Amino acid sequence: MRISRSGIVTRKKFAKLLKDYRERRRFTQEDAAKHLGVSVRTLQNWEIARNMPRGFGLRALVTTLEKGRK
């Protein structure tokens, strides 16, 4: 996941990065949501830039991405 030089990621940019990442990994929204421990609706909201992850969702997302690096 690439971040702009300023380090700021807009909701729209985050949504696109997340969806692209999920699709490259060949996860359905249901699979990805289950893996992250969030509802499908939550993941959908992230992918359409309605919301960005906070609290537990953000922690789950970061943990999952970090595991993927190893």
N, C-alpha and C. Protein backbone atom coordinates (compact mmCIF):
# COMPACT_ATOMS: atom_id res chain seq x y z
N MET A 1 0.85 -1.16 0.00
CA MET A 1 0.00 0.00 0.00
C MET A 1 0.89 1.23 0.00
N ARG A 2 0.75 2.07 -1.00
CA ARG A 2 1.59 3.26 -1.10
C ARG A 2 0.84 4.47 -0.57
N ILE A 3 1.57 5.32 0.12
CA ILE A 3 1.01 6.54 0.69
C ILE A 3 1.69 7.72 0.03
N SER A 4 0.97 8.80 -0.12
CA SER A 4 1.53 9.98 -0.78
C SER A 4 2.73 10.51 -0.01
N ARG A 5 3.50 11.35 -0.67
CA ARG A 5 4.69 11.93 -0.03
C ARG A 5 4.35 12.68 1.25
N SER A 6 3.19 13.29 1.28
CA SER A 6 2.80 14.05 2.47
C SER A 6 2.38 13.13 3.60
N GLY A 7 2.16 11.84 3.30
CA GLY A 7 1.74 10.90 4.32
C GLY A 7 0.25 10.91 4.58
N ILE A 8 -0.48 11.69 3.79
CA ILE A 8 -1.92 11.81 3.97
C ILE A 8 -2.63 10.95 2.94
N VAL A 9 -3.57 10.16 3.40
CA VAL A 9 -4.37 9.34 2.52
C VAL A 9 -5.81 9.79 2.66
N THR A 10 -6.41 10.19 1.56
CA THR A 10 -7.81 10.59 1.60
C THR A 10 -8.69 9.35 1.70
N ARG A 11 -9.94 9.55 2.07
CA ARG A 11 -10.88 8.43 2.13
C ARG A 11 -10.98 7.72 0.78
N LYS A 12 -11.07 8.52 -0.27
CA LYS A 12 -11.22 7.96 -1.61
C LYS A 12 -10.00 7.12 -1.99
N LYS A 13 -8.82 7.64 -1.71
CA LYS A 13 -7.58 6.93 -2.03
C LYS A 13 -7.48 5.64 -1.20
N PHE A 14 -7.80 5.74 0.09
CA PHE A 14 -7.77 4.57 0.96
C PHE A 14 -8.73 3.50 0.44
N ALA A 15 -9.94 3.92 0.07
CA ALA A 15 -10.95 2.98 -0.43
C ALA A 15 -10.42 2.22 -1.65
N LYS A 16 -9.81 2.95 -2.56
CA LYS A 16 -9.28 2.32 -3.78
C LYS A 16 -8.13 1.37 -3.44
N LEU A 17 -7.23 1.79 -2.57
CA LEU A 17 -6.11 0.93 -2.17
C LEU A 17 -6.60 -0.36 -1.52
N LEU A 18 -7.57 -0.22 -0.63
CA LEU A 18 -8.09 -1.38 0.09
C LEU A 18 -8.77 -2.36 -0.87
N LYS A 19 -9.62 -1.84 -1.73
CA LYS A 19 -10.32 -2.71 -2.68
C LYS A 19 -9.34 -3.38 -3.63
N ASP A 20 -8.40 -2.62 -4.15
CA ASP A 20 -7.39 -3.19 -5.05
C ASP A 20 -6.59 -4.29 -4.35
N TYR A 21 -6.20 -4.05 -3.11
CA TYR A 21 -5.44 -5.03 -2.33
C TYR A 21 -6.26 -6.31 -2.14
N ARG A 22 -7.52 -6.14 -1.75
CA ARG A 22 -8.40 -7.30 -1.53
C ARG A 22 -8.56 -8.09 -2.82
N GLU A 23 -8.78 -7.41 -3.92
CA GLU A 23 -8.98 -8.10 -5.19
C GLU A 23 -7.72 -8.79 -5.69
N ARG A 24 -6.56 -8.18 -5.47
CA ARG A 24 -5.29 -8.83 -5.84
C ARG A 24 -5.09 -10.13 -5.07
N ARG A 25 -5.56 -10.12 -3.83
CA ARG A 25 -5.44 -11.32 -2.98
C ARG A 25 -6.56 -12.32 -3.26
N ARG A 26 -7.47 -11.94 -4.16
CA ARG A 26 -8.59 -12.79 -4.55
C ARG A 26 -9.52 -13.14 -3.39
N PHE A 27 -9.73 -12.18 -2.52
CA PHE A 27 -10.68 -12.32 -1.43
C PHE A 27 -12.02 -11.73 -1.86
N THR A 28 -13.11 -12.39 -1.50
CA THR A 28 -14.41 -11.76 -1.63
C THR A 28 -14.55 -10.78 -0.46
N GLN A 29 -15.55 -9.92 -0.53
CA GLN A 29 -15.77 -9.02 0.61
C GLN A 29 -16.10 -9.83 1.85
N GLU A 30 -16.86 -10.90 1.69
CA GLU A 30 -17.22 -11.74 2.83
C GLU A 30 -15.99 -12.37 3.46
N ASP A 31 -15.10 -12.91 2.63
CA ASP A 31 -13.87 -13.53 3.14
C ASP A 31 -12.99 -12.50 3.86
N ALA A 32 -12.82 -11.35 3.22
CA ALA A 32 -11.96 -10.31 3.80
C ALA A 32 -12.53 -9.81 5.12
N ALA A 33 -13.84 -9.60 5.17
CA ALA A 33 -14.47 -9.12 6.40
C ALA A 33 -14.29 -10.14 7.53
N LYS A 34 -14.51 -11.40 7.21
CA LYS A 34 -14.34 -12.45 8.22
C LYS A 34 -12.90 -12.50 8.72
N HIS A 35 -11.96 -12.42 7.80
CA HIS A 35 -10.54 -12.45 8.14
C HIS A 35 -10.16 -11.27 9.03
N LEU A 36 -10.76 -10.10 8.77
CA LEU A 36 -10.46 -8.90 9.55
C LEU A 36 -11.25 -8.82 10.85
N GLY A 37 -12.29 -9.64 10.96
CA GLY A 37 -13.11 -9.60 12.16
C GLY A 37 -14.07 -8.41 12.18
N VAL A 38 -14.48 -7.97 11.00
CA VAL A 38 -15.45 -6.87 10.88
C VAL A 38 -16.63 -7.37 10.05
N SER A 39 -17.72 -6.62 10.08
CA SER A 39 -18.88 -7.02 9.28
C SER A 39 -18.63 -6.70 7.81
N VAL A 40 -19.38 -7.39 6.96
CA VAL A 40 -19.29 -7.12 5.52
C VAL A 40 -19.68 -5.67 5.25
N ARG A 41 -20.71 -5.19 5.93
CA ARG A 41 -21.15 -3.80 5.76
C ARG A 41 -20.03 -2.82 6.10
N THR A 42 -19.28 -3.09 7.15
CA THR A 42 -18.15 -2.23 7.52
C THR A 42 -17.12 -2.19 6.40
N LEU A 43 -16.76 -3.36 5.90
CA LEU A 43 -15.79 -3.42 4.80
C LEU A 43 -16.32 -2.69 3.57
N GLN A 44 -17.59 -2.89 3.27
CA GLN A 44 -18.19 -2.20 2.12
C GLN A 44 -18.11 -0.69 2.30
N ASN A 45 -18.39 -0.22 3.50
CA ASN A 45 -18.32 1.22 3.77
C ASN A 45 -16.90 1.75 3.60
N TRP A 46 -15.91 0.97 3.96
CA TRP A 46 -14.52 1.38 3.75
C TRP A 46 -14.22 1.44 2.26
N GLU A 47 -14.70 0.45 1.51
CA GLU A 47 -14.39 0.38 0.09
C GLU A 47 -15.12 1.41 -0.76
N ILE A 48 -16.20 1.99 -0.26
CA ILE A 48 -16.88 3.04 -1.02
C ILE A 48 -16.60 4.41 -0.42
N ALA A 49 -15.64 4.46 0.47
CA ALA A 49 -15.17 5.71 1.08
C ALA A 49 -16.23 6.40 1.93
N ARG A 50 -17.19 5.63 2.44
CA ARG A 50 -18.17 6.20 3.35
C ARG A 50 -17.54 6.41 4.73
N ASN A 51 -16.70 5.46 5.13
CA ASN A 51 -16.00 5.53 6.41
C ASN A 51 -14.58 5.05 6.23
N MET A 52 -13.75 5.36 7.20
CA MET A 52 -12.40 4.80 7.26
C MET A 52 -12.30 4.02 8.56
N PRO A 53 -11.43 3.03 8.59
CA PRO A 53 -11.31 2.22 9.81
C PRO A 53 -10.85 3.05 11.00
N ARG A 54 -11.43 2.73 12.15
CA ARG A 54 -11.05 3.35 13.41
C ARG A 54 -11.01 2.26 14.47
N GLY A 55 -10.36 2.51 15.54
CA GLY A 55 -10.35 1.59 16.68
C GLY A 55 -10.04 0.17 16.30
N PHE A 56 -10.96 -0.74 16.65
CA PHE A 56 -10.76 -2.17 16.42
C PHE A 56 -10.53 -2.48 14.94
N GLY A 57 -11.32 -1.88 14.06
CA GLY A 57 -11.18 -2.15 12.62
C GLY A 57 -9.82 -1.77 12.10
N LEU A 58 -9.31 -0.63 12.53
CA LEU A 58 -7.99 -0.18 12.11
C LEU A 58 -6.92 -1.12 12.64
N ARG A 59 -7.05 -1.51 13.88
CA ARG A 59 -6.08 -2.44 14.48
C ARG A 59 -6.08 -3.77 13.73
N ALA A 60 -7.27 -4.29 13.41
CA ALA A 60 -7.37 -5.56 12.68
C ALA A 60 -6.76 -5.44 11.30
N LEU A 61 -7.01 -4.33 10.64
CA LEU A 61 -6.47 -4.12 9.29
C LEU A 61 -4.95 -4.05 9.31
N VAL A 62 -4.40 -3.29 10.22
CA VAL A 62 -2.94 -3.16 10.32
C VAL A 62 -2.30 -4.51 10.67
N THR A 63 -2.88 -5.22 11.60
CA THR A 63 -2.36 -6.53 12.00
C THR A 63 -2.35 -7.49 10.81
N THR A 64 -3.43 -7.50 10.05
CA THR A 64 -3.53 -8.38 8.88
C THR A 64 -2.49 -8.00 7.82
N LEU A 65 -2.35 -6.73 7.57
CA LEU A 65 -1.37 -6.29 6.57
C LEU A 65 0.05 -6.61 7.01
N GLU A 66 0.33 -6.44 8.29
CA GLU A 66 1.67 -6.76 8.80
C GLU A 66 1.96 -8.25 8.66
N LYS A 67 0.98 -9.11 8.92
CA LYS A 67 1.18 -10.55 8.76
C LYS A 67 1.49 -10.88 7.31
N GLY A 68 0.85 -10.15 6.40
CA GLY A 68 1.04 -10.39 4.98
C GLY A 68 2.45 -10.05 4.50
N ARG A 69 3.14 -9.20 5.22
CA ARG A 69 4.50 -8.80 4.84
C ARG A 69 5.52 -9.89 5.12
N LYS A 70 5.24 -10.73 6.09
CA LYS A 70 6.21 -11.74 6.52
C LYS A 70 6.29 -12.90 5.59
